Amino acid sequence: MIEIVNRVYTFLTHIEDLTALNGSARWNRPEHDPRLLETARRRATAHRDSPIDDS
């Protein structure tokens, strides 16, 4: 499990370097999906605003 998490973390933190576009480099840069982005922002806000339980 640790190996998988390390690989995903590495990929996500270096995604620009690891994703070679080659022929598709001429495509328009991807855009965030507005509805999915709003859900992510709402959840991030809820997570930040939730009290931390140290028990």
Protein backbone atom coordinates (compact mmCIF):
# COMPACT_ATOMS: atom_id res chain seq x y z
CA MET A 1 0.00 0.00 0.00
CA ILE A 2 2.81 2.43 0.85
CA GLU A 3 4.40 1.81 -2.55
CA ILE A 4 1.13 2.65 -4.32
CA VAL A 5 0.62 5.82 -2.30
CA ASN A 6 4.22 6.89 -3.01
CA ARG A 7 3.76 6.36 -6.73
CA VAL A 8 0.45 8.25 -6.87
CA TYR A 9 1.94 11.08 -4.79
CA THR A 10 4.96 11.28 -7.08
CA PHE A 11 2.77 11.27 -10.18
CA LEU A 12 0.44 13.97 -8.86
CA THR A 13 3.24 16.24 -7.69
CA HIS A 14 5.13 15.92 -11.01
CA ILE A 15 2.21 15.45 -13.39
CA GLU A 16 3.43 18.10 -15.86
CA ASP A 17 6.80 16.34 -16.20
CA LEU A 18 5.42 12.81 -16.39
CA THR A 19 2.62 13.27 -18.89
CA ALA A 20 4.07 13.46 -22.37
CA LEU A 21 1.60 14.91 -24.83
CA ASN A 22 3.66 14.27 -27.98
CA GLY A 23 1.29 14.75 -30.93
CA SER A 24 -1.51 16.04 -28.75
CA ALA A 25 0.65 18.94 -27.59
CA ARG A 26 -1.17 21.06 -30.18
CA TRP A 27 -4.49 20.54 -28.38
CA ASN A 28 -6.04 23.27 -26.29
CA ARG A 29 -5.03 23.13 -22.64
CA PRO A 30 -7.63 21.16 -20.64
CA GLU A 31 -10.11 23.12 -18.56
CA HIS A 32 -11.65 22.24 -15.21
CA ASP A 33 -15.19 20.94 -15.33
CA PRO A 34 -17.16 23.69 -13.53
CA ARG A 35 -19.59 21.38 -11.70
CA LEU A 36 -16.90 18.97 -10.53
CA LEU A 37 -14.65 21.87 -9.49
CA GLU A 38 -17.49 23.40 -7.45
CA THR A 39 -18.00 20.07 -5.66
CA ALA A 40 -14.27 19.87 -4.89
CA ARG A 41 -14.23 23.44 -3.55
CA ARG A 42 -17.33 22.84 -1.43
CA ARG A 43 -15.79 19.71 0.09
CA ALA A 44 -12.47 21.46 0.72
CA THR A 45 -14.28 24.27 2.53
CA ALA A 46 -16.29 21.80 4.59
CA HIS A 47 -13.11 19.92 5.46
CA ARG A 48 -11.33 23.14 6.53
CA ASP A 49 -14.30 24.27 8.61
CA SER A 50 -14.83 20.97 10.40
CA PRO A 51 -13.51 20.75 13.96
CA ILE A 52 -10.56 18.44 14.54
CA ASP A 53 -11.26 15.62 16.98
CA ASP A 54 -8.06 14.75 18.86
CA SER A 55 -9.64 12.08 21.02
